[in-house]
């Protein structure tokens, strides 16, 4: 069996979805589709869901793609089309360290992220806007939902950075 033509990568913030998608797409000759890029507009405004869904459907018209992102309402109609769903189910400590380091780096450097936005220092500890607090709040509930969503779909659950690297090595040879 050859490499998959259609991958969907799920996982918590900081799990490495976008990093993995950006790495795999060119290796597989596939289009990389990042749901955060489709969802977020400048100024951290959310694109209307119907418009985002339409953009995603258009992006998926190519034969080979790698999608990164969790949006259940966007993925539900399409997840079954993936040859393999990759679930990055990393430990909460790993996620926290990665997310904190990434957020600090982005705030420090002014690096642009989804939709041309920038992470700001004040958002790191904001009770409702912090990506770190969001990840802590949803971690266990998302894990249960992923288990249910992926039942019956061909998927791989990777629980450590080492497991991710081993899976990539097996995929790409």
Foldseek 3Di string as FASTA:
>chain_A
DAFWQFEEEEEAQLLCQVVVLVVVCVLNVAAEAELLQLAAAPPRDGDPPVSSLVVVVVRPPDRGYYYYDDDCVNCVVPVQVGLEYEYSLEDLVSSLVRLVVVLVVQQVVVDQDHNRYGRHPVQCPDCPRHSNNVRVVCNVVVVVVCVVSCVPHHYDYAYYPVSVVVVVVVNSD
